[in-house]
Amino acid sequence: MSSTKSDENAQPWQSYHTVFTNAKAGMDGVDKEKVQKIVYEMSKGSKYFENEQRKETYIQQRIENLRCRAALLTASDIADFEKIEEFWN
């Protein structure tokens, strides 16, 4: 990942998954980051926002869990999985 946890904490609106398009007429000069920040701030406390945070926390926990499990794999385990993968392809 290109951003660090401190970057995400400093500007949390950048990781908030909203759709903004400036492809509409008259939207050429709109500051995308400013719009993201406003939407993020106005969304705080909404059920949608809380659900998105819950999902993001769950995904981050799964990623960390998978990283821990991957770190425990031995070279033998990886070789075995590669043989299985070759068999099915």
PDB file of N, CA and C in Angstrom:
ATOM      1  N   MET A   1       0.832  -1.177   0.000  1.00  0.00           N
ATOM      2  CA  MET A   1       0.000   0.000   0.000  1.00  0.00           C
ATOM      3  C   MET A   1       0.876   1.239   0.000  1.00  0.00           C
ATOM      4  N   SER A   2       0.424   2.271  -0.636  1.00  0.00           N
ATOM      5  CA  SER A   2       1.249   3.463  -0.749  1.00  0.00           C
ATOM      6  C   SER A   2       1.088   4.400   0.440  1.00  0.00           C
ATOM      7  N   SER A   3      -0.035   4.355   1.132  1.00  0.00           N
ATOM      8  CA  SER A   3      -0.221   5.247   2.262  1.00  0.00           C
ATOM      9  C   SER A   3       0.010   4.494   3.560  1.00  0.00           C
ATOM     10  N   THR A   4       0.395   5.241   4.560  1.00  0.00           N
ATOM     11  CA  THR A   4       0.632   4.643   5.857  1.00  0.00           C
ATOM     12  C   THR A   4      -0.550   4.939   6.763  1.00  0.00           C
ATOM     13  N   LYS A   5      -0.567   4.281   7.920  1.00  0.00           N
ATOM     14  CA  LYS A   5      -1.652   4.508   8.867  1.00  0.00           C
ATOM     15  C   LYS A   5      -1.699   5.959   9.316  1.00  0.00           C
ATOM     16  N   SER A   6      -0.546   6.601   9.509  1.00  0.00           N
ATOM     17  CA  SER A   6      -0.536   7.992   9.949  1.00  0.00           C
ATOM     18  C   SER A   6      -1.130   8.901   8.880  1.00  0.00           C
ATOM     19  N   ASP A   7      -0.883   8.593   7.597  1.00  0.00           N
ATOM     20  CA  ASP A   7      -1.482   9.375   6.520  1.00  0.00           C
ATOM     21  C   ASP A   7      -3.000   9.236   6.525  1.00  0.00           C
ATOM     22  N   GLU A   8      -3.487   8.002   6.759  1.00  0.00           N
ATOM     23  CA  GLU A   8      -4.924   7.756   6.777  1.00  0.00           C
ATOM     24  C   GLU A   8      -5.575   8.471   7.948  1.00  0.00           C
ATOM     25  N   ASN A   9      -4.898   8.506   9.102  1.00  0.00           N
ATOM     26  CA  ASN A   9      -5.442   9.179  10.263  1.00  0.00           C
ATOM     27  C   ASN A   9      -5.431  10.692  10.083  1.00  0.00           C
ATOM     28  N   ALA A  10      -4.464  11.215   9.366  1.00  0.00           N
ATOM     29  CA  ALA A  10      -4.356  12.650   9.142  1.00  0.00           C
ATOM     30  C   ALA A  10      -5.446  13.138   8.194  1.00  0.00           C
ATOM     31  N   GLN A  11      -5.787  12.344   7.183  1.00  0.00           N
ATOM     32  CA  GLN A  11      -6.791  12.734   6.197  1.00  0.00           C
ATOM     33  C   GLN A  11      -7.733  11.549   5.935  1.00  0.00           C
ATOM     34  N   PRO A  12      -8.624  11.251   6.886  1.00  0.00           N
ATOM     35  CA  PRO A  12      -9.472  10.066   6.747  1.00  0.00           C
ATOM     36  C   PRO A  12     -10.462  10.143   5.593  1.00  0.00           C
ATOM     37  N   TRP A  13     -10.794  11.341   5.140  1.00  0.00           N
ATOM     38  CA  TRP A  13     -11.756  11.477   4.046  1.00  0.00           C
ATOM     39  C   TRP A  13     -11.210  10.911   2.742  1.00  0.00           C
ATOM     40  N   GLN A  14      -9.899  10.785   2.623  1.00  0.00           N
ATOM     41  CA  GLN A  14      -9.338  10.254   1.386  1.00  0.00           C
ATOM     42  C   GLN A  14      -9.604   8.767   1.237  1.00  0.00           C
ATOM     43  N   SER A  15      -9.788   8.059   2.350  1.00  0.00           N
ATOM     44  CA  SER A  15     -10.080   6.628   2.259  1.00  0.00           C
ATOM     45  C   SER A  15     -11.577   6.364   2.285  1.00  0.00           C
ATOM     46  N   TYR A  16     -12.380   7.396   2.500  1.00  0.00           N
ATOM     47  CA  TYR A  16     -13.836   7.242   2.518  1.00  0.00           C
ATOM     48  C   TYR A  16     -14.294   7.051   1.081  1.00  0.00           C
ATOM     49  N   HIS A  17     -14.975   5.968   0.815  1.00  0.00           N
ATOM     50  CA  HIS A  17     -15.283   5.569  -0.554  1.00  0.00           C
ATOM     51  C   HIS A  17     -16.563   6.229  -1.062  1.00  0.00           C
ATOM     52  N   THR A  18     -16.420   7.433  -1.541  1.00  0.00           N
ATOM     53  CA  THR A  18     -17.536   8.124  -2.181  1.00  0.00           C
ATOM     54  C   THR A  18     -17.203   8.316  -3.646  1.00  0.00           C
ATOM     55  N   VAL A  19     -18.218   8.495  -4.429  1.00  0.00           N
ATOM     56  CA  VAL A  19     -18.014   8.683  -5.856  1.00  0.00           C
ATOM     57  C   VAL A  19     -18.166  10.167  -6.166  1.00  0.00           C
ATOM     58  N   PHE A  20     -17.124  10.730  -6.728  1.00  0.00           N
ATOM     59  CA  PHE A  20     -17.171  12.126  -7.165  1.00  0.00           C
ATOM     60  C   PHE A  20     -16.664  12.179  -8.593  1.00  0.00           C
ATOM     61  N   THR A  21     -17.438  12.794  -9.438  1.00  0.00           N
ATOM     62  CA  THR A  21     -17.001  12.956 -10.819  1.00  0.00           C
ATOM     63  C   THR A  21     -17.113  14.423 -11.200  1.00  0.00           C
ATOM     64  N   ASN A  22     -16.050  14.930 -11.797  1.00  0.00           N
ATOM     65  CA  ASN A  22     -16.102  16.316 -12.265  1.00  0.00           C
ATOM     66  C   ASN A  22     -16.281  16.347 -13.778  1.00  0.00           C
ATOM     67  N   ALA A  23     -16.848  15.287 -14.337  1.00  0.00           N
ATOM     68  CA  ALA A  23     -17.069  15.192 -15.770  1.00  0.00           C
ATOM     69  C   ALA A  23     -18.351  15.902 -16.204  1.00  0.00           C
ATOM     70  N   LYS A  24     -19.016  16.551 -15.283  1.00  0.00           N
ATOM     71  CA  LYS A  24     -20.248  17.261 -15.614  1.00  0.00           C
ATOM     72  C   LYS A  24     -19.925  18.700 -15.997  1.00  0.00           C
ATOM     73  N   ALA A  25     -20.826  19.315 -16.714  1.00  0.00           N
ATOM     74  CA  ALA A  25     -20.622  20.691 -17.153  1.00  0.00           C
ATOM     75  C   ALA A  25     -20.466  21.614 -15.951  1.00  0.00           C
ATOM     76  N   GLY A  26     -19.454  22.477 -16.006  1.00  0.00           N
ATOM     77  CA  GLY A  26     -19.234  23.445 -14.951  1.00  0.00           C
ATOM     78  C   GLY A  26     -18.485  22.903 -13.748  1.00  0.00           C
ATOM     79  N   MET A  27     -18.034  21.645 -13.793  1.00  0.00           N
ATOM     80  CA  MET A  27     -17.361  21.038 -12.649  1.00  0.00           C
ATOM     81  C   MET A  27     -15.851  20.931 -12.853  1.00  0.00           C
ATOM     82  N   ASP A  28     -15.326  21.547 -13.890  1.00  0.00           N
ATOM     83  CA  ASP A  28     -13.906  21.420 -14.213  1.00  0.00           C
ATOM     84  C   ASP A  28     -12.993  21.922 -13.095  1.00  0.00           C
ATOM     85  N   GLY A  29     -13.307  23.044 -12.494  1.00  0.00           N
ATOM     86  CA  GLY A  29     -12.422  23.649 -11.512  1.00  0.00           C
ATOM     87  C   GLY A  29     -12.695  23.244 -10.076  1.00  0.00           C
ATOM     88  N   VAL A  30     -13.556  22.266  -9.865  1.00  0.00           N
ATOM     89  CA  VAL A  30     -13.914  21.860  -8.506  1.00  0.00           C
ATOM     90  C   VAL A  30     -12.758  21.083  -7.875  1.00  0.00           C
ATOM     91  N   ASP A  31     -12.443  21.432  -6.642  1.00  0.00           N
ATOM     92  CA  ASP A  31     -11.376  20.766  -5.889  1.00  0.00           C
ATOM     93  C   ASP A  31     -11.912  19.445  -5.342  1.00  0.00           C
ATOM     94  N   LYS A  32     -11.448  18.339  -5.912  1.00  0.00           N
ATOM     95  CA  LYS A  32     -11.948  17.014  -5.546  1.00  0.00           C
ATOM     96  C   LYS A  32     -11.697  16.701  -4.072  1.00  0.00           C
ATOM     97  N   GLU A  33     -10.525  17.041  -3.569  1.00  0.00           N
ATOM     98  CA  GLU A  33     -10.200  16.755  -2.170  1.00  0.00           C
ATOM     99  C   GLU A  33     -11.123  17.534  -1.222  1.00  0.00           C
ATOM    100  N   LYS A  34     -11.412  18.777  -1.577  1.00  0.00           N
ATOM    101  CA  LYS A  34     -12.303  19.590  -0.744  1.00  0.00           C
ATOM    102  C   LYS A  34     -13.703  18.987  -0.710  1.00  0.00           C
ATOM    103  N   VAL A  35     -14.190  18.524  -1.859  1.00  0.00           N
ATOM    104  CA  VAL A  35     -15.512  17.899  -1.921  1.00  0.00           C
ATOM    105  C   VAL A  35     -15.521  16.614  -1.097  1.00  0.00           C
ATOM    106  N   GLN A  36     -14.454  15.791  -1.220  1.00  0.00           N
ATOM    107  CA  GLN A  36     -14.375  14.558  -0.432  1.00  0.00           C
ATOM    108  C   GLN A  36     -14.415  14.867   1.062  1.00  0.00           C
ATOM    109  N   LYS A  37     -13.697  15.891   1.476  1.00  0.00           N
ATOM    110  CA  LYS A  37     -13.653  16.257   2.893  1.00  0.00           C
ATOM    111  C   LYS A  37     -15.032  16.698   3.371  1.00  0.00           C
ATOM    112  N   ILE A  38     -15.716  17.500   2.587  1.00  0.00           N
ATOM    113  CA  ILE A  38     -17.045  17.982   2.971  1.00  0.00           C
ATOM    114  C   ILE A  38     -18.029  16.817   3.074  1.00  0.00           C
ATOM    115  N   VAL A  39     -18.014  15.935   2.090  1.00  0.00           N
ATOM    116  CA  VAL A  39     -18.916  14.775   2.111  1.00  0.00           C
ATOM    117  C   VAL A  39     -18.613  13.907   3.322  1.00  0.00           C
ATOM    118  N   TYR A  40     -17.334  13.687   3.595  1.00  0.00           N
ATOM    119  CA  TYR A  40     -16.931  12.885   4.749  1.00  0.00           C
ATOM    120  C   TYR A  40     -17.447  13.508   6.051  1.00  0.00           C
ATOM    121  N   GLU A  41     -17.216  14.797   6.219  1.00  0.00           N
ATOM    122  CA  GLU A  41     -17.627  15.479   7.448  1.00  0.00           C
ATOM    123  C   GLU A  41     -19.149  15.482   7.605  1.00  0.00           C
ATOM    124  N   MET A  42     -19.869  15.675   6.510  1.00  0.00           N
ATOM    125  CA  MET A  42     -21.331  15.705   6.574  1.00  0.00           C
ATOM    126  C   MET A  42     -21.933  14.310   6.769  1.00  0.00           C
ATOM    127  N   SER A  43     -21.188  13.272   6.411  1.00  0.00           N
ATOM    128  CA  SER A  43     -21.686  11.902   6.526  1.00  0.00           C
ATOM    129  C   SER A  43     -21.485  11.308   7.916  1.00  0.00           C
ATOM    130  N   LYS A  44     -20.590  11.906   8.698  1.00  0.00           N
ATOM    131  CA  LYS A  44     -20.312  11.374  10.037  1.00  0.00           C
ATOM    132  C   LYS A  44     -21.610  11.230  10.824  1.00  0.00           C
ATOM    133  N   GLY A  45     -21.727  10.093  11.507  1.00  0.00           N
ATOM    134  CA  GLY A  45     -22.893   9.857  12.346  1.00  0.00           C
ATOM    135  C   GLY A  45     -24.066   9.217  11.619  1.00  0.00           C
ATOM    136  N   SER A  46     -24.029   9.172  10.297  1.00  0.00           N
ATOM    137  CA  SER A  46     -25.137   8.545   9.570  1.00  0.00           C
ATOM    138  C   SER A  46     -25.010   7.027   9.648  1.00  0.00           C
ATOM    139  N   LYS A  47     -26.120   6.340   9.455  1.00  0.00           N
ATOM    140  CA  LYS A  47     -26.099   4.875   9.482  1.00  0.00           C
ATOM    141  C   LYS A  47     -25.213   4.331   8.370  1.00  0.00           C
ATOM    142  N   TYR A  48     -25.247   4.953   7.216  1.00  0.00           N
ATOM    143  CA  TYR A  48     -24.406   4.523   6.102  1.00  0.00           C
ATOM    144  C   TYR A  48     -22.934   4.640   6.480  1.00  0.00           C
ATOM    145  N   PHE A  49     -22.562   5.770   7.046  1.00  0.00           N
ATOM    146  CA  PHE A  49     -21.175   6.021   7.435  1.00  0.00           C
ATOM    147  C   PHE A  49     -20.718   4.992   8.466  1.00  0.00           C
ATOM    148  N   GLU A  50     -21.549   4.753   9.470  1.00  0.00           N
ATOM    149  CA  GLU A  50     -21.202   3.777  10.509  1.00  0.00           C
ATOM    150  C   GLU A  50     -21.070   2.377   9.928  1.00  0.00           C
ATOM    151  N   ASN A  51     -21.943   2.023   8.996  1.00  0.00           N
ATOM    152  CA  ASN A  51     -21.860   0.707   8.362  1.00  0.00           C
ATOM    153  C   ASN A  51     -20.596   0.592   7.525  1.00  0.00           C
ATOM    154  N   GLU A  52     -20.248   1.643   6.806  1.00  0.00           N
ATOM    155  CA  GLU A  52     -19.023   1.634   6.011  1.00  0.00           C
ATOM    156  C   GLU A  52     -17.792   1.508   6.911  1.00  0.00           C
ATOM    157  N   GLN A  53     -17.798   2.165   8.049  1.00  0.00           N
ATOM    158  CA  GLN A  53     -16.688   2.043   8.992  1.00  0.00           C
ATOM    159  C   GLN A  53     -16.599   0.622   9.538  1.00  0.00           C
ATOM    160  N   ARG A  54     -17.752   0.037   9.850  1.00  0.00           N
ATOM    161  CA  ARG A  54     -17.784  -1.334  10.357  1.00  0.00           C
ATOM    162  C   ARG A  54     -17.217  -2.291   9.317  1.00  0.00           C
ATOM    163  N   LYS A  55     -17.628  -2.111   8.060  1.00  0.00           N
ATOM    164  CA  LYS A  55     -17.120  -2.978   6.992  1.00  0.00           C
ATOM    165  C   LYS A  55     -15.618  -2.788   6.790  1.00  0.00           C
ATOM    166  N   GLU A  56     -15.161  -1.546   6.846  1.00  0.00           N
ATOM    167  CA  GLU A  56     -13.733  -1.266   6.672  1.00  0.00           C
ATOM    168  C   GLU A  56     -12.917  -1.901   7.794  1.00  0.00           C
ATOM    169  N   THR A  57     -13.420  -1.822   9.030  1.00  0.00           N
ATOM    170  CA  THR A  57     -12.734  -2.453  10.164  1.00  0.00           C
ATOM    171  C   THR A  57     -12.663  -3.961   9.973  1.00  0.00           C
ATOM    172  N   TYR A  58     -13.764  -4.557   9.541  1.00  0.00           N
ATOM    173  CA  TYR A  58     -13.807  -6.005   9.307  1.00  0.00           C
ATOM    174  C   TYR A  58     -12.803  -6.403   8.226  1.00  0.00           C
ATOM    175  N   ILE A  59     -12.748  -5.645   7.149  1.00  0.00           N
ATOM    176  CA  ILE A  59     -11.817  -5.952   6.046  1.00  0.00           C
ATOM    177  C   ILE A  59     -10.373  -5.824   6.520  1.00  0.00           C
ATOM    178  N   GLN A  60     -10.078  -4.773   7.287  1.00  0.00           N
ATOM    179  CA  GLN A  60      -8.714  -4.599   7.793  1.00  0.00           C
ATOM    180  C   GLN A  60      -8.315  -5.734   8.733  1.00  0.00           C
ATOM    181  N   GLN A  61      -9.258  -6.218   9.546  1.00  0.00           N
ATOM    182  CA  GLN A  61      -8.980  -7.351  10.431  1.00  0.00           C
ATOM    183  C   GLN A  61      -8.711  -8.607   9.616  1.00  0.00           C
ATOM    184  N   ARG A  62      -9.488  -8.827   8.566  1.00  0.00           N
ATOM    185  CA  ARG A  62      -9.271 -10.003   7.706  1.00  0.00           C
ATOM    186  C   ARG A  62      -7.914  -9.940   7.020  1.00  0.00           C
ATOM    187  N   ILE A  63      -7.549  -8.754   6.533  1.00  0.00           N
ATOM    188  CA  ILE A  63      -6.250  -8.588   5.879  1.00  0.00           C
ATOM    189  C   ILE A  63      -5.129  -8.910   6.858  1.00  0.00           C
ATOM    190  N   GLU A  64      -5.227  -8.382   8.074  1.00  0.00           N
ATOM    191  CA  GLU A  64      -4.195  -8.638   9.082  1.00  0.00           C
ATOM    192  C   GLU A  64      -4.131 -10.119   9.430  1.00  0.00           C
ATOM    193  N   ASN A  65      -5.291 -10.754   9.543  1.00  0.00           N
ATOM    194  CA  ASN A  65      -5.346 -12.186   9.830  1.00  0.00           C
ATOM    195  C   ASN A  65      -4.672 -12.985   8.713  1.00  0.00           C
ATOM    196  N   LEU A  66      -4.970 -12.650   7.469  1.00  0.00           N
ATOM    197  CA  LEU A  66      -4.359 -13.354   6.342  1.00  0.00           C
ATOM    198  C   LEU A  66      -2.852 -13.120   6.279  1.00  0.00           C
ATOM    199  N   ARG A  67      -2.411 -11.923   6.603  1.00  0.00           N
ATOM    200  CA  ARG A  67      -0.972 -11.648   6.627  1.00  0.00           C
ATOM    201  C   ARG A  67      -0.273 -12.485   7.700  1.00  0.00           C
ATOM    202  N   CYS A  68      -0.910 -12.601   8.861  1.00  0.00           N
ATOM    203  CA  CYS A  68      -0.337 -13.421   9.932  1.00  0.00           C
ATOM    204  C   CYS A  68      -0.273 -14.884   9.512  1.00  0.00           C
ATOM    205  N   ARG A  69      -1.341 -15.368   8.884  1.00  0.00           N
ATOM    206  CA  ARG A  69      -1.356 -16.757   8.425  1.00  0.00           C
ATOM    207  C   ARG A  69      -0.315 -16.985   7.338  1.00  0.00           C
ATOM    208  N   ALA A  70      -0.151 -16.017   6.442  1.00  0.00           N
ATOM    209  CA  ALA A  70       0.844 -16.143   5.370  1.00  0.00           C
ATOM    210  C   ALA A  70       2.260 -16.153   5.939  1.00  0.00           C
ATOM    211  N   ALA A  71       2.481 -15.395   7.001  1.00  0.00           N
ATOM    212  CA  ALA A  71       3.807 -15.351   7.614  1.00  0.00           C
ATOM    213  C   ALA A  71       4.175 -16.692   8.244  1.00  0.00           C
ATOM    214  N   LEU A  72       3.171 -17.486   8.611  1.00  0.00           N
ATOM    215  CA  LEU A  72       3.419 -18.782   9.243  1.00  0.00           C
ATOM    216  C   LEU A  72       3.683 -19.900   8.233  1.00  0.00           C
ATOM    217  N   LEU A  73       3.436 -19.631   6.945  1.00  0.00           N
ATOM    218  CA  LEU A  73       3.645 -20.663   5.929  1.00  0.00           C
ATOM    219  C   LEU A  73       5.138 -20.968   5.772  1.00  0.00           C
ATOM    220  N   THR A  74       5.421 -22.242   5.668  1.00  0.00           N
ATOM    221  CA  THR A  74       6.803 -22.657   5.438  1.00  0.00           C
ATOM    222  C   THR A  74       7.032 -22.832   3.941  1.00  0.00           C
ATOM    223  N   ALA A  75       8.280 -22.979   3.556  1.00  0.00           N
ATOM    224  CA  ALA A  75       8.603 -23.199   2.143  1.00  0.00           C
ATOM    225  C   ALA A  75       7.960 -24.498   1.666  1.00  0.00           C
ATOM    226  N   SER A  76       7.895 -25.489   2.528  1.00  0.00           N
ATOM    227  CA  SER A  76       7.262 -26.768   2.190  1.00  0.00           C
ATOM    228  C   SER A  76       5.764 -26.585   1.925  1.00  0.00           C
ATOM    229  N   ASP A  77       5.106 -25.788   2.766  1.00  0.00           N
ATOM    230  CA  ASP A  77       3.677 -25.512   2.582  1.00  0.00           C
ATOM    231  C   ASP A  77       3.435 -24.838   1.232  1.00  0.00           C
ATOM    232  N   ILE A  78       4.261 -23.867   0.919  1.00  0.00           N
ATOM    233  CA  ILE A  78       4.108 -23.129  -0.339  1.00  0.00           C
ATOM    234  C   ILE A  78       4.330 -24.059  -1.526  1.00  0.00           C
ATOM    235  N   ALA A  79       5.333 -24.922  -1.444  1.00  0.00           N
ATOM    236  CA  ALA A  79       5.602 -25.880  -2.522  1.00  0.00           C
ATOM    237  C   ALA A  79       4.418 -26.820  -2.710  1.00  0.00           C
ATOM    238  N   ASP A  80       3.836 -27.280  -1.599  1.00  0.00           N
ATOM    239  CA  ASP A  80       2.669 -28.162  -1.684  1.00  0.00           C
ATOM    240  C   ASP A  80       1.495 -27.452  -2.366  1.00  0.00           C
ATOM    241  N   PHE A  81       1.253 -26.203  -1.998  1.00  0.00           N
ATOM    242  CA  PHE A  81       0.155 -25.447  -2.600  1.00  0.00           C
ATOM    243  C   PHE A  81       0.417 -25.173  -4.082  1.00  0.00           C
ATOM    244  N   GLU A  82       1.667 -24.956  -4.446  1.00  0.00           N
ATOM    245  CA  GLU A  82       2.006 -24.748  -5.853  1.00  0.00           C
ATOM    246  C   GLU A  82       1.756 -26.016  -6.662  1.00  0.00           C
ATOM    247  N   LYS A  83       2.054 -27.185  -6.088  1.00  0.00           N
ATOM    248  CA  LYS A  83       1.781 -28.453  -6.774  1.00  0.00           C
ATOM    249  C   LYS A  83       0.285 -28.634  -6.986  1.00  0.00           C
ATOM    250  N   ILE A  84      -0.501 -28.313  -5.982  1.00  0.00           N
ATOM    251  CA  ILE A  84      -1.958 -28.419  -6.101  1.00  0.00           C
ATOM    252  C   ILE A  84      -2.459 -27.462  -7.187  1.00  0.00           C
ATOM    253  N   GLU A  85      -1.935 -26.251  -7.197  1.00  0.00           N
ATOM    254  CA  GLU A  85      -2.347 -25.252  -8.185  1.00  0.00           C
ATOM    255  C   GLU A  85      -2.007 -25.717  -9.599  1.00  0.00           C
ATOM    256  N   GLU A  86      -0.808 -26.297  -9.766  1.00  0.00           N
ATOM    257  CA  GLU A  86      -0.390 -26.817 -11.072  1.00  0.00           C
ATOM    258  C   GLU A  86      -1.302 -27.949 -11.537  1.00  0.00           C
ATOM    259  N   PHE A  87      -1.716 -28.789 -10.607  1.00  0.00           N
ATOM    260  CA  PHE A  87      -2.594 -29.918 -10.927  1.00  0.00           C
ATOM    261  C   PHE A  87      -3.924 -29.421 -11.490  1.00  0.00           C
ATOM    262  N   TRP A  88      -4.458 -28.363 -10.940  1.00  0.00           N
ATOM    263  CA  TRP A  88      -5.773 -27.882 -11.365  1.00  0.00           C
ATOM    264  C   TRP A  88      -5.705 -26.979 -12.588  1.00  0.00           C
ATOM    265  N   ASN A  89      -4.528 -26.565 -12.982  1.00  0.00           N
ATOM    266  CA  ASN A  89      -4.413 -25.709 -14.176  1.00  0.00           C
ATOM    267  C   ASN A  89      -3.817 -26.472 -15.274  1.00  0.00           C
TER     268      ASN A  89
END
